[in-house]
Amino acid sequence: MKLICLTLLLSLSIMAEAQNNFKATQIKFERVKKAYQEKWETLHRSLQSAGYQDNFSLIINAYKAEGKLEIWLKGNTDQKYSLFKTYDFCAHSGILGPKLMEGDKQTPEGFYYINIFNPVSTYHLSLGINYPNAVDLFRTGNNRKPGSDIYIHGNCVTVGCIPLTDEKIKEVYILAVEARNAGQEKIPVNIYPFKMTEGNMNKYATQFPVQTSFWKTLQAGYRAFERKKNLLHITEVKGKYIIK
């Protein structure tokens, strides 16, 4: 029993060290270090004022039509996520509707997660998402390339990504580093065509009727989050998102 306890403690210690090492590794990069120097003191005060402790998890919700990116946070003892900050897109690309193929300049729509932290991005700092996922690949088909390299990044140009400006990406990047360092392996990035109220669905479905069926699957996720304010349980089946 003593050996089991010691093994468990060692495993927990290794996990904690690995988490802390993520932030330490990121700060070795000059842009991340400077972002912390410029933004962390004020950002940390805002976090404390809003009632968040040092360890929190993060969900990003983005809305293309409104050009808004929301940061939702949940502390270790919180039951639900709450809205912390909202950032404006700096530029837009394409029209409403999902990304279909390489070069269409569309910003994806769907349920993703951050899979890349790039501290030496061409666009200052950037957070990559796992586009294309299984739903995207099914939609694109076998004879076309779905494209790739979709990021939330700095600067103010885009051919399908979400640019926030260098100043704003510093904050978003830091918050993502903090969440990852606290142990959140997958940070959700939910990209919606618009705030998916029934009124907006009726409005935009009239303009883009071909997207209605797909948008209804996204609306199920939007409604679930609005109701529960918690992580979505999503599976990807034959080109559709199934919300549980």
Protein backbone atom coordinates (compact mmCIF):
# COMPACT_ATOMS: atom_id res chain seq x y z
CA MET A 1 0.00 0.00 0.00
CA LYS A 2 2.83 2.39 0.86
CA LEU A 3 4.44 1.69 -2.50
CA ILE A 4 1.16 2.42 -4.29
CA CYS A 5 0.78 5.73 -2.44
CA LEU A 6 4.35 6.74 -3.24
CA THR A 7 3.83 5.85 -6.89
CA LEU A 8 0.64 7.91 -7.00
CA LEU A 9 2.35 10.90 -5.40
CA LEU A 10 5.25 10.63 -7.84
CA SER A 11 2.83 10.50 -10.79
CA LEU A 12 0.97 13.57 -9.53
CA SER A 13 4.27 15.38 -9.03
CA ILE A 14 5.39 14.56 -12.58
CA MET A 15 2.04 15.73 -13.98
CA ALA A 16 2.24 19.02 -12.06
CA GLU A 17 5.80 19.58 -13.22
CA ALA A 18 4.84 18.90 -16.85
CA GLN A 19 2.01 21.42 -16.61
CA ASN A 20 4.20 24.08 -15.06
CA ASN A 21 6.87 23.39 -17.67
CA PHE A 22 4.46 24.36 -20.45
CA LYS A 23 4.27 27.97 -19.28
CA ALA A 24 7.98 28.03 -18.48
CA THR A 25 8.77 26.81 -21.99
CA GLN A 26 6.46 29.34 -23.61
CA ILE A 27 7.93 32.27 -21.67
CA LYS A 28 11.36 31.44 -23.08
CA PHE A 29 10.10 32.86 -26.37
CA GLU A 30 10.60 36.61 -26.55
CA ARG A 31 7.10 37.51 -27.75
CA VAL A 32 5.41 35.47 -25.04
CA LYS A 33 7.73 36.88 -22.40
CA LYS A 34 6.97 40.41 -23.56
CA ALA A 35 3.23 39.68 -23.64
CA TYR A 36 3.37 38.62 -20.00
CA GLN A 37 5.41 41.69 -19.10
CA GLU A 38 2.92 44.00 -20.80
CA LYS A 39 -0.41 42.32 -20.08
CA TRP A 40 -0.27 39.88 -17.18
CA GLU A 41 -0.40 42.28 -14.23
CA THR A 42 -3.57 43.99 -15.46
CA LEU A 43 -5.06 40.75 -16.74
CA HIS A 44 -4.36 38.99 -13.46
CA ARG A 45 -6.07 41.77 -11.51
CA SER A 46 -9.10 41.46 -13.77
CA LEU A 47 -9.18 37.71 -13.21
CA GLN A 48 -9.05 38.14 -9.45
CA SER A 49 -11.70 40.86 -9.51
CA ALA A 50 -13.97 38.53 -11.48
CA GLY A 51 -13.46 35.81 -8.85
CA TYR A 52 -11.21 33.43 -10.77
CA GLN A 53 -8.36 31.69 -9.01
CA ASP A 54 -4.97 31.06 -10.60
CA ASN A 55 -6.10 27.72 -12.04
CA PHE A 56 -8.93 27.88 -14.54
CA SER A 57 -10.15 26.23 -17.73
CA LEU A 58 -11.14 28.07 -20.88
CA ILE A 59 -13.70 27.90 -23.68
CA ILE A 60 -13.58 30.17 -26.73
CA ASN A 61 -16.80 30.96 -28.60
CA ALA A 62 -16.53 32.93 -31.85
CA TYR A 63 -19.32 34.44 -33.96
CA LYS A 64 -18.55 35.33 -37.57
CA ALA A 65 -21.45 37.67 -38.38
CA GLU A 66 -21.03 39.66 -35.17
CA GLY A 67 -17.24 39.54 -35.37
CA LYS A 68 -16.93 38.65 -31.70
CA LEU A 69 -14.65 36.23 -29.85
CA GLU A 70 -15.72 35.36 -26.31
CA ILE A 71 -13.52 34.07 -23.51
CA TRP A 72 -15.38 31.88 -21.02
CA LEU A 73 -13.59 30.73 -17.86
CA LYS A 74 -14.28 28.27 -15.04
CA GLY A 75 -12.29 27.95 -11.84
CA ASN A 76 -11.59 24.57 -10.28
CA THR A 77 -14.40 25.00 -7.74
CA ASP A 78 -16.92 26.57 -10.15
CA GLN A 79 -19.85 24.58 -11.49
CA LYS A 80 -20.25 26.60 -14.69
CA TYR A 81 -18.29 28.72 -17.11
CA SER A 82 -18.86 32.47 -17.10
CA LEU A 83 -18.03 35.14 -19.66
CA PHE A 84 -14.76 36.90 -18.85
CA LYS A 85 -13.94 39.03 -21.90
CA THR A 86 -15.07 39.66 -25.47
CA TYR A 87 -12.76 40.68 -28.30
CA ASP A 88 -13.64 42.06 -31.73
CA PHE A 89 -12.38 40.43 -34.91
CA CYS A 90 -10.06 42.86 -36.67
CA ALA A 91 -10.92 41.61 -40.16
CA HIS A 92 -13.24 39.14 -41.91
CA SER A 93 -12.81 36.71 -44.76
CA GLY A 94 -15.34 34.96 -46.97
CA ILE A 95 -19.07 34.75 -46.29
CA LEU A 96 -21.29 32.88 -43.84
CA GLY A 97 -21.08 29.12 -44.19
CA PRO A 98 -18.39 26.55 -43.36
CA LYS A 99 -15.01 26.20 -44.99
CA LEU A 100 -15.25 23.68 -47.84
CA MET A 101 -11.86 23.51 -49.51
CA GLU A 102 -8.39 24.94 -49.77
CA GLY A 103 -8.29 28.49 -51.10
CA ASP A 104 -11.96 29.37 -50.58
CA LYS A 105 -10.98 32.01 -47.97
CA GLN A 106 -13.73 30.80 -45.67
CA THR A 107 -13.42 30.82 -41.88
CA PRO A 108 -14.51 27.38 -40.59
CA GLU A 109 -17.70 26.81 -38.64
CA GLY A 110 -17.88 23.99 -36.13
CA PHE A 111 -16.53 22.60 -32.89
CA TYR A 112 -12.75 22.53 -32.57
CA TYR A 113 -9.95 22.78 -30.02
CA ILE A 114 -6.56 24.48 -29.83
CA ASN A 115 -3.86 22.14 -31.08
CA ILE A 116 -0.99 24.57 -31.72
CA PHE A 117 0.61 27.33 -29.66
CA ASN A 118 2.84 29.30 -32.02
CA PRO A 119 5.03 31.87 -30.20
CA VAL A 120 6.93 32.82 -33.38
CA SER A 121 3.99 33.29 -35.72
CA THR A 122 4.13 35.42 -38.86
CA TYR A 123 1.16 37.16 -37.23
CA HIS A 124 2.87 37.85 -33.89
CA LEU A 125 1.31 35.08 -31.74
CA SER A 126 -1.17 32.47 -32.90
CA LEU A 127 -3.35 29.64 -31.63
CA GLY A 128 -4.05 26.91 -34.16
CA ILE A 129 -7.26 24.89 -34.22
CA ASN A 130 -7.70 21.28 -35.35
CA TYR A 131 -9.32 22.10 -38.67
CA PRO A 132 -10.10 19.97 -40.63
CA ASN A 133 -11.90 17.60 -38.31
CA ALA A 134 -13.93 14.55 -39.36
CA VAL A 135 -17.02 16.64 -40.17
CA ASP A 136 -14.99 18.97 -42.39
CA LEU A 137 -13.31 16.08 -44.20
CA PHE A 138 -16.65 14.40 -44.86
CA ARG A 139 -18.08 17.64 -46.27
CA THR A 140 -15.08 18.35 -48.51
CA GLY A 141 -15.05 14.85 -50.00
CA ASN A 142 -12.27 12.69 -51.36
CA ASN A 143 -11.39 14.63 -54.50
CA ARG A 144 -10.76 18.04 -52.95
CA LYS A 145 -8.33 19.43 -50.40
CA PRO A 146 -10.02 20.86 -47.27
CA GLY A 147 -7.25 23.34 -46.50
CA SER A 148 -5.52 23.75 -43.16
CA ASP A 149 -3.60 26.21 -40.98
CA ILE A 150 -6.53 27.97 -39.34
CA TYR A 151 -5.47 30.20 -36.46
CA ILE A 152 -6.61 32.84 -34.01
CA HIS A 153 -3.78 35.33 -34.43
CA GLY A 154 -2.47 38.87 -34.29
CA ASN A 155 -2.21 41.44 -37.07
CA CYS A 156 -5.29 42.49 -39.04
CA VAL A 157 -5.30 40.39 -42.22
CA THR A 158 -7.01 37.08 -42.96
CA VAL A 159 -7.83 34.56 -45.65
CA GLY A 160 -9.87 32.33 -43.34
CA CYS A 161 -8.40 32.80 -39.86
CA ILE A 162 -9.58 35.00 -36.98
CA PRO A 163 -7.30 38.04 -36.55
CA LEU A 164 -7.53 40.08 -33.35
CA THR A 165 -4.59 42.54 -33.64
CA ASP A 166 -1.26 42.02 -31.88
CA GLU A 167 -2.42 43.68 -28.65
CA LYS A 168 -5.50 41.50 -28.25
CA ILE A 169 -3.83 38.23 -29.18
CA LYS A 170 -1.33 38.81 -26.39
CA GLU A 171 -4.14 38.54 -23.83
CA VAL A 172 -5.89 35.61 -25.49
CA TYR A 173 -2.60 33.75 -25.89
CA ILE A 174 -1.69 34.31 -22.23
CA LEU A 175 -5.09 33.05 -21.06
CA ALA A 176 -4.70 29.94 -23.22
CA VAL A 177 -1.20 29.33 -21.83
CA GLU A 178 -2.51 29.68 -18.28
CA ALA A 179 -5.36 27.23 -18.93
CA ARG A 180 -3.03 24.74 -20.61
CA ASN A 181 -0.51 25.11 -17.81
CA ALA A 182 -3.24 24.38 -15.27
CA GLY A 183 -3.89 21.05 -16.95
CA GLN A 184 -6.49 21.70 -19.66
CA GLU A 185 -5.32 19.46 -22.49
CA LYS A 186 -7.98 20.53 -24.99
CA ILE A 187 -9.23 24.11 -25.08
CA PRO A 188 -12.50 24.20 -27.06
CA VAL A 189 -12.90 26.71 -29.87
CA ASN A 190 -16.53 26.80 -31.02
CA ILE A 191 -16.95 28.84 -34.20
CA TYR A 192 -20.53 29.78 -35.05
CA PRO A 193 -21.78 31.65 -38.13
CA PHE A 194 -23.73 33.99 -35.82
CA LYS A 195 -25.42 34.06 -32.42
CA MET A 196 -27.72 31.15 -33.08
CA THR A 197 -31.00 32.46 -31.71
CA GLU A 198 -34.19 31.43 -33.48
CA GLY A 199 -34.53 34.95 -34.91
CA ASN A 200 -31.05 34.87 -36.38
CA MET A 201 -31.57 31.34 -37.72
CA ASN A 202 -34.67 32.46 -39.60
CA LYS A 203 -32.91 35.57 -40.89
CA TYR A 204 -29.74 33.90 -42.15
CA ALA A 205 -31.39 30.68 -43.32
CA THR A 206 -33.39 32.81 -45.76
CA GLN A 207 -30.13 34.27 -47.12
CA PHE A 208 -28.19 30.98 -47.11
CA PRO A 209 -30.79 28.18 -47.40
CA VAL A 210 -28.18 25.58 -48.40
CA GLN A 211 -26.58 25.91 -44.94
CA THR A 212 -29.76 25.42 -42.90
CA SER A 213 -29.35 21.70 -42.21
CA PHE A 214 -25.72 22.08 -41.09
CA TRP A 215 -26.47 25.17 -39.02
CA LYS A 216 -29.14 23.29 -37.07
CA THR A 217 -26.45 20.91 -35.80
CA LEU A 218 -24.40 23.91 -34.65
CA GLN A 219 -27.47 25.48 -33.08
CA ALA A 220 -27.92 22.38 -30.91
CA GLY A 221 -24.44 23.00 -29.47
CA TYR A 222 -25.11 26.72 -29.07
CA ARG A 223 -28.34 26.04 -27.18
CA ALA A 224 -26.71 23.38 -24.99
CA PHE A 225 -23.98 25.79 -23.94
CA GLU A 226 -26.43 28.64 -23.36
CA ARG A 227 -28.44 26.34 -21.12
CA LYS A 228 -25.70 24.55 -19.19
CA LYS A 229 -22.70 26.91 -19.48
CA ASN A 230 -20.43 23.90 -19.50
CA LEU A 231 -18.35 21.71 -21.80
CA LEU A 232 -20.21 20.27 -24.76
CA HIS A 233 -20.16 16.53 -25.31
CA ILE A 234 -19.83 16.19 -29.07
CA THR A 235 -19.29 13.29 -31.42
CA GLU A 236 -18.63 13.55 -35.15
CA VAL A 237 -20.69 11.08 -37.16
CA LYS A 238 -20.97 10.99 -40.98
CA GLY A 239 -20.46 14.69 -41.50
CA LYS A 240 -22.62 15.79 -38.58
CA TYR A 241 -22.08 16.94 -35.01
CA ILE A 242 -24.10 14.97 -32.46
CA ILE A 243 -24.61 16.86 -29.20
CA LYS A 244 -25.17 14.73 -26.12
